[in-house]
Amino acid sequence: MKNSPPKAEARRVDFSTPDGLKILEDVSFLADGPAVALIGQNGSGKTTLLRILAGDIKPTGGVVSVVGRVGYLPQKIER
């Protein structure tokens, strides 16, 4: 069995808005499965984390590594 890297990894990821509001603080995880679900309460930072993993926005701290691509369905569709 070969030892392949995780498909998505976050190490000590932070994200704050330009006005200083902390959205994510010290988030770390490894995701190895072919499909991964992200669940949590409203306003807990799920969409922000997915946008970071998809490369839409950059974290204000920490390291993110993704093999392949991350997809998500935006809550609001821009027209």
PDB file of N, CA and C in Angstrom:
ATOM      1  N   MET A   1       0.845  -1.176   0.000  1.00  0.00           N
ATOM      2  CA  MET A   1       0.000   0.000   0.000  1.00  0.00           C
ATOM      3  C   MET A   1       0.890   1.238   0.000  1.00  0.00           C
ATOM      4  N   LYS A   2       0.683   2.147  -0.975  1.00  0.00           N
ATOM      5  CA  LYS A   2       1.508   3.342  -1.016  1.00  0.00           C
ATOM      6  C   LYS A   2       0.954   4.404  -0.075  1.00  0.00           C
ATOM      7  N   ASN A   3       1.849   5.239   0.383  1.00  0.00           N
ATOM      8  CA  ASN A   3       1.484   6.289   1.330  1.00  0.00           C
ATOM      9  C   ASN A   3       1.280   7.587   0.551  1.00  0.00           C
ATOM     10  N   SER A   4       0.029   7.881   0.158  1.00  0.00           N
ATOM     11  CA  SER A   4      -0.240   9.077  -0.639  1.00  0.00           C
ATOM     12  C   SER A   4      -0.597  10.252   0.277  1.00  0.00           C
ATOM     13  N   PRO A   5      -0.343  11.473  -0.201  1.00  0.00           N
ATOM     14  CA  PRO A   5      -0.657  12.643   0.611  1.00  0.00           C
ATOM     15  C   PRO A   5      -2.164  12.813   0.750  1.00  0.00           C
ATOM     16  N   PRO A   6      -2.611  13.493   1.804  1.00  0.00           N
ATOM     17  CA  PRO A   6      -4.046  13.733   1.944  1.00  0.00           C
ATOM     18  C   PRO A   6      -4.557  14.589   0.792  1.00  0.00           C
ATOM     19  N   LYS A   7      -5.833  14.465   0.489  1.00  0.00           N
ATOM     20  CA  LYS A   7      -6.411  15.256  -0.593  1.00  0.00           C
ATOM     21  C   LYS A   7      -6.574  16.717  -0.203  1.00  0.00           C
ATOM     22  N   ALA A   8      -6.833  16.972   1.059  1.00  0.00           N
ATOM     23  CA  ALA A   8      -6.916  18.345   1.556  1.00  0.00           C
ATOM     24  C   ALA A   8      -6.363  18.370   2.975  1.00  0.00           C
ATOM     25  N   GLU A   9      -5.571  19.372   3.239  1.00  0.00           N
ATOM     26  CA  GLU A   9      -4.994  19.522   4.569  1.00  0.00           C
ATOM     27  C   GLU A   9      -4.981  20.999   4.926  1.00  0.00           C
ATOM     28  N   ALA A  10      -5.365  21.278   6.151  1.00  0.00           N
ATOM     29  CA  ALA A  10      -5.298  22.630   6.698  1.00  0.00           C
ATOM     30  C   ALA A  10      -4.511  22.548   7.999  1.00  0.00           C
ATOM     31  N   ARG A  11      -3.557  23.444   8.143  1.00  0.00           N
ATOM     32  CA  ARG A  11      -2.767  23.484   9.373  1.00  0.00           C
ATOM     33  C   ARG A  11      -2.815  24.882   9.970  1.00  0.00           C
ATOM     34  N   ARG A  12      -3.471  24.979  11.110  1.00  0.00           N
ATOM     35  CA  ARG A  12      -3.553  26.213  11.899  1.00  0.00           C
ATOM     36  C   ARG A  12      -4.057  27.401  11.066  1.00  0.00           C
ATOM     37  N   VAL A  13      -5.128  27.158  10.315  1.00  0.00           N
ATOM     38  CA  VAL A  13      -5.683  28.172   9.418  1.00  0.00           C
ATOM     39  C   VAL A  13      -6.497  29.202  10.189  1.00  0.00           C
ATOM     40  N   ASP A  14      -6.255  30.454   9.876  1.00  0.00           N
ATOM     41  CA  ASP A  14      -7.010  31.587  10.408  1.00  0.00           C
ATOM     42  C   ASP A  14      -7.582  32.366   9.235  1.00  0.00           C
ATOM     43  N   PHE A  15      -8.714  33.015   9.481  1.00  0.00           N
ATOM     44  CA  PHE A  15      -9.231  33.966   8.500  1.00  0.00           C
ATOM     45  C   PHE A  15      -9.958  35.072   9.247  1.00  0.00           C
ATOM     46  N   SER A  16      -9.564  36.300   8.937  1.00  0.00           N
ATOM     47  CA  SER A  16     -10.213  37.487   9.495  1.00  0.00           C
ATOM     48  C   SER A  16     -10.595  38.409   8.353  1.00  0.00           C
ATOM     49  N   THR A  17     -11.693  39.118   8.522  1.00  0.00           N
ATOM     50  CA  THR A  17     -12.115  40.097   7.526  1.00  0.00           C
ATOM     51  C   THR A  17     -11.195  41.311   7.616  1.00  0.00           C
ATOM     52  N   PRO A  18     -11.200  42.170   6.585  1.00  0.00           N
ATOM     53  CA  PRO A  18     -10.340  43.362   6.623  1.00  0.00           C
ATOM     54  C   PRO A  18     -10.583  44.262   7.835  1.00  0.00           C
ATOM     55  N   ASP A  19     -11.804  44.238   8.374  1.00  0.00           N
ATOM     56  CA  ASP A  19     -12.074  45.065   9.561  1.00  0.00           C
ATOM     57  C   ASP A  19     -11.744  44.355  10.874  1.00  0.00           C
ATOM     58  N   GLY A  20     -11.150  43.154  10.781  1.00  0.00           N
ATOM     59  CA  GLY A  20     -10.652  42.463  11.965  1.00  0.00           C
ATOM     60  C   GLY A  20     -11.565  41.417  12.577  1.00  0.00           C
ATOM     61  N   LEU A  21     -12.721  41.147  11.973  1.00  0.00           N
ATOM     62  CA  LEU A  21     -13.629  40.133  12.504  1.00  0.00           C
ATOM     63  C   LEU A  21     -13.045  38.746  12.234  1.00  0.00           C
ATOM     64  N   LYS A  22     -12.822  37.942  13.300  1.00  0.00           N
ATOM     65  CA  LYS A  22     -12.281  36.590  13.145  1.00  0.00           C
ATOM     66  C   LYS A  22     -13.392  35.645  12.722  1.00  0.00           C
ATOM     67  N   ILE A  23     -13.176  34.978  11.589  1.00  0.00           N
ATOM     68  CA  ILE A  23     -14.136  33.994  11.092  1.00  0.00           C
ATOM     69  C   ILE A  23     -13.652  32.581  11.416  1.00  0.00           C
ATOM     70  N   LEU A  24     -12.351  32.319  11.203  1.00  0.00           N
ATOM     71  CA  LEU A  24     -11.730  31.028  11.521  1.00  0.00           C
ATOM     72  C   LEU A  24     -10.499  31.280  12.369  1.00  0.00           C
ATOM     73  N   GLU A  25     -10.274  30.398  13.338  1.00  0.00           N
ATOM     74  CA  GLU A  25      -9.089  30.531  14.183  1.00  0.00           C
ATOM     75  C   GLU A  25      -8.514  29.153  14.493  1.00  0.00           C
ATOM     76  N   ASP A  26      -7.257  28.933  14.073  1.00  0.00           N
ATOM     77  CA  ASP A  26      -6.498  27.725  14.400  1.00  0.00           C
ATOM     78  C   ASP A  26      -7.202  26.433  13.955  1.00  0.00           C
ATOM     79  N   VAL A  27      -7.675  26.402  12.711  1.00  0.00           N
ATOM     80  CA  VAL A  27      -8.374  25.232  12.162  1.00  0.00           C
ATOM     81  C   VAL A  27      -7.352  24.289  11.529  1.00  0.00           C
ATOM     82  N   SER A  28      -7.393  23.018  11.928  1.00  0.00           N
ATOM     83  CA  SER A  28      -6.501  22.007  11.359  1.00  0.00           C
ATOM     84  C   SER A  28      -7.280  20.730  11.086  1.00  0.00           C
ATOM     85  N   PHE A  29      -7.011  20.088   9.938  1.00  0.00           N
ATOM     86  CA  PHE A  29      -7.639  18.804   9.628  1.00  0.00           C
ATOM     87  C   PHE A  29      -6.948  18.174   8.425  1.00  0.00           C
ATOM     88  N   LEU A  30      -7.193  16.873   8.241  1.00  0.00           N
ATOM     89  CA  LEU A  30      -6.776  16.123   7.045  1.00  0.00           C
ATOM     90  C   LEU A  30      -8.029  15.490   6.458  1.00  0.00           C
ATOM     91  N   ALA A  31      -8.181  15.540   5.139  1.00  0.00           N
ATOM     92  CA  ALA A  31      -9.312  14.902   4.471  1.00  0.00           C
ATOM     93  C   ALA A  31      -8.753  13.968   3.403  1.00  0.00           C
ATOM     94  N   ASP A  32      -8.952  12.661   3.578  1.00  0.00           N
ATOM     95  CA  ASP A  32      -8.405  11.661   2.669  1.00  0.00           C
ATOM     96  C   ASP A  32      -9.438  10.970   1.802  1.00  0.00           C
ATOM     97  N   GLY A  33     -10.698  11.068   2.148  1.00  0.00           N
ATOM     98  CA  GLY A  33     -11.722  10.293   1.462  1.00  0.00           C
ATOM     99  C   GLY A  33     -12.036  10.815   0.070  1.00  0.00           C
ATOM    100  N   PRO A  34     -12.709   9.992  -0.719  1.00  0.00           N
ATOM    101  CA  PRO A  34     -13.110  10.429  -2.053  1.00  0.00           C
ATOM    102  C   PRO A  34     -14.178  11.525  -1.984  1.00  0.00           C
ATOM    103  N   ALA A  35     -14.928  11.561  -0.882  1.00  0.00           N
ATOM    104  CA  ALA A  35     -15.920  12.612  -0.657  1.00  0.00           C
ATOM    105  C   ALA A  35     -15.899  12.951   0.828  1.00  0.00           C
ATOM    106  N   VAL A  36     -15.998  14.227   1.116  1.00  0.00           N
ATOM    107  CA  VAL A  36     -15.961  14.686   2.505  1.00  0.00           C
ATOM    108  C   VAL A  36     -17.090  15.679   2.691  1.00  0.00           C
ATOM    109  N   ALA A  37     -17.808  15.562   3.803  1.00  0.00           N
ATOM    110  CA  ALA A  37     -18.882  16.504   4.124  1.00  0.00           C
ATOM    111  C   ALA A  37     -18.414  17.424   5.250  1.00  0.00           C
ATOM    112  N   LEU A  38     -18.816  18.656   5.163  1.00  0.00           N
ATOM    113  CA  LEU A  38     -18.490  19.643   6.184  1.00  0.00           C
ATOM    114  C   LEU A  38     -19.801  20.108   6.794  1.00  0.00           C
ATOM    115  N   ILE A  39     -19.967  19.849   8.092  1.00  0.00           N
ATOM    116  CA  ILE A  39     -21.202  20.234   8.757  1.00  0.00           C
ATOM    117  C   ILE A  39     -20.890  21.114   9.955  1.00  0.00           C
ATOM    118  N   GLY A  40     -21.835  21.941  10.321  1.00  0.00           N
ATOM    119  CA  GLY A  40     -21.676  22.810  11.476  1.00  0.00           C
ATOM    120  C   GLY A  40     -22.824  23.793  11.542  1.00  0.00           C
ATOM    121  N   GLN A  41     -22.872  24.543  12.613  1.00  0.00           N
ATOM    122  CA  GLN A  41     -23.942  25.511  12.809  1.00  0.00           C
ATOM    123  C   GLN A  41     -23.829  26.659  11.819  1.00  0.00           C
ATOM    124  N   ASN A  42     -24.944  27.321  11.574  1.00  0.00           N
ATOM    125  CA  ASN A  42     -24.937  28.512  10.737  1.00  0.00           C
ATOM    126  C   ASN A  42     -23.966  29.531  11.308  1.00  0.00           C
ATOM    127  N   GLY A  43     -23.182  30.145  10.421  1.00  0.00           N
ATOM    128  CA  GLY A  43     -22.255  31.180  10.853  1.00  0.00           C
ATOM    129  C   GLY A  43     -20.972  30.667  11.469  1.00  0.00           C
ATOM    130  N   SER A  44     -20.711  29.363  11.365  1.00  0.00           N
ATOM    131  CA  SER A  44     -19.515  28.802  12.001  1.00  0.00           C
ATOM    132  C   SER A  44     -18.271  28.849  11.119  1.00  0.00           C
ATOM    133  N   GLY A  45     -18.408  29.307   9.847  1.00  0.00           N
ATOM    134  CA  GLY A  45     -17.242  29.438   8.981  1.00  0.00           C
ATOM    135  C   GLY A  45     -17.089  28.356   7.931  1.00  0.00           C
ATOM    136  N   LYS A  46     -18.107  27.530   7.738  1.00  0.00           N
ATOM    137  CA  LYS A  46     -18.020  26.432   6.753  1.00  0.00           C
ATOM    138  C   LYS A  46     -17.761  26.956   5.344  1.00  0.00           C
ATOM    139  N   THR A  47     -18.539  27.918   4.919  1.00  0.00           N
ATOM    140  CA  THR A  47     -18.378  28.457   3.567  1.00  0.00           C
ATOM    141  C   THR A  47     -17.031  29.141   3.418  1.00  0.00           C
ATOM    142  N   THR A  48     -16.601  29.862   4.414  1.00  0.00           N
ATOM    143  CA  THR A  48     -15.286  30.513   4.368  1.00  0.00           C
ATOM    144  C   THR A  48     -14.192  29.471   4.220  1.00  0.00           C
ATOM    145  N   LEU A  49     -14.273  28.395   4.985  1.00  0.00           N
ATOM    146  CA  LEU A  49     -13.268  27.333   4.883  1.00  0.00           C
ATOM    147  C   LEU A  49     -13.290  26.699   3.491  1.00  0.00           C
ATOM    148  N   LEU A  50     -14.456  26.432   2.957  1.00  0.00           N
ATOM    149  CA  LEU A  50     -14.545  25.850   1.613  1.00  0.00           C
ATOM    150  C   LEU A  50     -14.001  26.810   0.559  1.00  0.00           C
ATOM    151  N   ARG A  51     -14.265  28.093   0.703  1.00  0.00           N
ATOM    152  CA  ARG A  51     -13.729  29.072  -0.246  1.00  0.00           C
ATOM    153  C   ARG A  51     -12.202  29.120  -0.177  1.00  0.00           C
ATOM    154  N   ILE A  52     -11.650  28.953   1.014  1.00  0.00           N
ATOM    155  CA  ILE A  52     -10.190  28.893   1.162  1.00  0.00           C
ATOM    156  C   ILE A  52      -9.654  27.642   0.473  1.00  0.00           C
ATOM    157  N   LEU A  53     -10.270  26.492   0.730  1.00  0.00           N
ATOM    158  CA  LEU A  53      -9.827  25.239   0.111  1.00  0.00           C
ATOM    159  C   LEU A  53      -9.964  25.269  -1.406  1.00  0.00           C
ATOM    160  N   ALA A  54     -10.989  25.950  -1.914  1.00  0.00           N
ATOM    161  CA  ALA A  54     -11.202  26.050  -3.361  1.00  0.00           C
ATOM    162  C   ALA A  54     -10.283  27.085  -4.000  1.00  0.00           C
ATOM    163  N   GLY A  55      -9.603  27.880  -3.190  1.00  0.00           N
ATOM    164  CA  GLY A  55      -8.688  28.885  -3.723  1.00  0.00           C
ATOM    165  C   GLY A  55      -9.352  30.210  -4.054  1.00  0.00           C
ATOM    166  N   ASP A  56     -10.616  30.400  -3.660  1.00  0.00           N
ATOM    167  CA  ASP A  56     -11.313  31.658  -3.921  1.00  0.00           C
ATOM    168  C   ASP A  56     -10.773  32.804  -3.076  1.00  0.00           C
ATOM    169  N   ILE A  57     -10.400  32.488  -1.846  1.00  0.00           N
ATOM    170  CA  ILE A  57      -9.818  33.482  -0.932  1.00  0.00           C
ATOM    171  C   ILE A  57      -8.605  32.871  -0.246  1.00  0.00           C
ATOM    172  N   LYS A  58      -7.732  33.709   0.263  1.00  0.00           N
ATOM    173  CA  LYS A  58      -6.531  33.232   0.954  1.00  0.00           C
ATOM    174  C   LYS A  58      -6.728  33.351   2.465  1.00  0.00           C
ATOM    175  N   PRO A  59      -6.212  32.377   3.223  1.00  0.00           N
ATOM    176  CA  PRO A  59      -6.301  32.499   4.677  1.00  0.00           C
ATOM    177  C   PRO A  59      -5.409  33.646   5.159  1.00  0.00           C
ATOM    178  N   THR A  60      -5.745  34.203   6.296  1.00  0.00           N
ATOM    179  CA  THR A  60      -4.889  35.244   6.875  1.00  0.00           C
ATOM    180  C   THR A  60      -3.765  34.630   7.702  1.00  0.00           C
ATOM    181  N   GLY A  61      -3.827  33.321   7.918  1.00  0.00           N
ATOM    182  CA  GLY A  61      -2.757  32.616   8.614  1.00  0.00           C
ATOM    183  C   GLY A  61      -2.880  31.129   8.374  1.00  0.00           C
ATOM    184  N   GLY A  62      -1.789  30.422   8.553  1.00  0.00           N
ATOM    185  CA  GLY A  62      -1.798  28.974   8.403  1.00  0.00           C
ATOM    186  C   GLY A  62      -1.461  28.521   6.994  1.00  0.00           C
ATOM    187  N   VAL A  63      -1.541  27.203   6.794  1.00  0.00           N
ATOM    188  CA  VAL A  63      -1.159  26.582   5.524  1.00  0.00           C
ATOM    189  C   VAL A  63      -2.268  25.660   5.054  1.00  0.00           C
ATOM    190  N   VAL A  64      -2.580  25.741   3.749  1.00  0.00           N
ATOM    191  CA  VAL A  64      -3.588  24.881   3.133  1.00  0.00           C
ATOM    192  C   VAL A  64      -2.952  24.178   1.944  1.00  0.00           C
ATOM    193  N   SER A  65      -3.214  22.878   1.830  1.00  0.00           N
ATOM    194  CA  SER A  65      -2.727  22.100   0.701  1.00  0.00           C
ATOM    195  C   SER A  65      -3.882  21.267   0.159  1.00  0.00           C
ATOM    196  N   VAL A  66      -4.100  21.335  -1.170  1.00  0.00           N
ATOM    197  CA  VAL A  66      -5.182  20.580  -1.796  1.00  0.00           C
ATOM    198  C   VAL A  66      -4.624  19.856  -3.014  1.00  0.00           C
ATOM    199  N   VAL A  67      -4.895  18.549  -3.093  1.00  0.00           N
ATOM    200  CA  VAL A  67      -4.550  17.762  -4.269  1.00  0.00           C
ATOM    201  C   VAL A  67      -5.838  17.608  -5.060  1.00  0.00           C
ATOM    202  N   GLY A  68      -5.843  18.035  -6.317  1.00  0.00           N
ATOM    203  CA  GLY A  68      -7.075  18.023  -7.102  1.00  0.00           C
ATOM    204  C   GLY A  68      -7.797  19.341  -6.906  1.00  0.00           C
ATOM    205  N   ARG A  69      -9.114  19.284  -6.891  1.00  0.00           N
ATOM    206  CA  ARG A  69      -9.858  20.526  -6.693  1.00  0.00           C
ATOM    207  C   ARG A  69     -10.990  20.328  -5.716  1.00  0.00           C
ATOM    208  N   VAL A  70     -11.397  21.414  -5.118  1.00  0.00           N
ATOM    209  CA  VAL A  70     -12.496  21.415  -4.160  1.00  0.00           C
ATOM    210  C   VAL A  70     -13.660  22.150  -4.801  1.00  0.00           C
ATOM    211  N   GLY A  71     -14.823  21.565  -4.762  1.00  0.00           N
ATOM    212  CA  GLY A  71     -16.009  22.214  -5.295  1.00  0.00           C
ATOM    213  C   GLY A  71     -17.008  22.472  -4.182  1.00  0.00           C
ATOM    214  N   TYR A  72     -17.751  23.539  -4.343  1.00  0.00           N
ATOM    215  CA  TYR A  72     -18.821  23.840  -3.400  1.00  0.00           C
ATOM    216  C   TYR A  72     -19.898  24.615  -4.133  1.00  0.00           C
ATOM    217  N   LEU A  73     -21.111  24.588  -3.606  1.00  0.00           N
ATOM    218  CA  LEU A  73     -22.219  25.333  -4.179  1.00  0.00           C
ATOM    219  C   LEU A  73     -22.380  26.603  -3.359  1.00  0.00           C
ATOM    220  N   PRO A  74     -22.136  27.768  -3.962  1.00  0.00           N
ATOM    221  CA  PRO A  74     -22.255  29.022  -3.209  1.00  0.00           C
ATOM    222  C   PRO A  74     -23.663  29.220  -2.669  1.00  0.00           C
ATOM    223  N   GLN A  75     -23.743  29.867  -1.500  1.00  0.00           N
ATOM    224  CA  GLN A  75     -25.049  30.151  -0.898  1.00  0.00           C
ATOM    225  C   GLN A  75     -25.796  31.199  -1.707  1.00  0.00           C
ATOM    226  N   LYS A  76     -25.046  32.156  -2.254  1.00  0.00           N
ATOM    227  CA  LYS A  76     -25.643  33.220  -3.060  1.00  0.00           C
ATOM    228  C   LYS A  76     -25.017  33.161  -4.436  1.00  0.00           C
ATOM    229  N   ILE A  77     -25.858  33.141  -5.455  1.00  0.00           N
ATOM    230  CA  ILE A  77     -25.354  33.092  -6.821  1.00  0.00           C
ATOM    231  C   ILE A  77     -25.298  34.523  -7.358  1.00  0.00           C
ATOM    232  N   GLU A  78     -24.111  34.954  -7.769  1.00  0.00           N
ATOM    233  CA  GLU A  78     -23.928  36.303  -8.301  1.00  0.00           C
ATOM    234  C   GLU A  78     -24.407  36.342  -9.742  1.00  0.00           C
ATOM    235  N   ARG A  79     -25.086  37.403 -10.112  1.00  0.00           N
ATOM    236  CA  ARG A  79     -25.566  37.552 -11.490  1.00  0.00           C
ATOM    237  C   ARG A  79     -24.915  38.733 -12.134  1.00  0.00           C
TER     238      ARG A  79
END
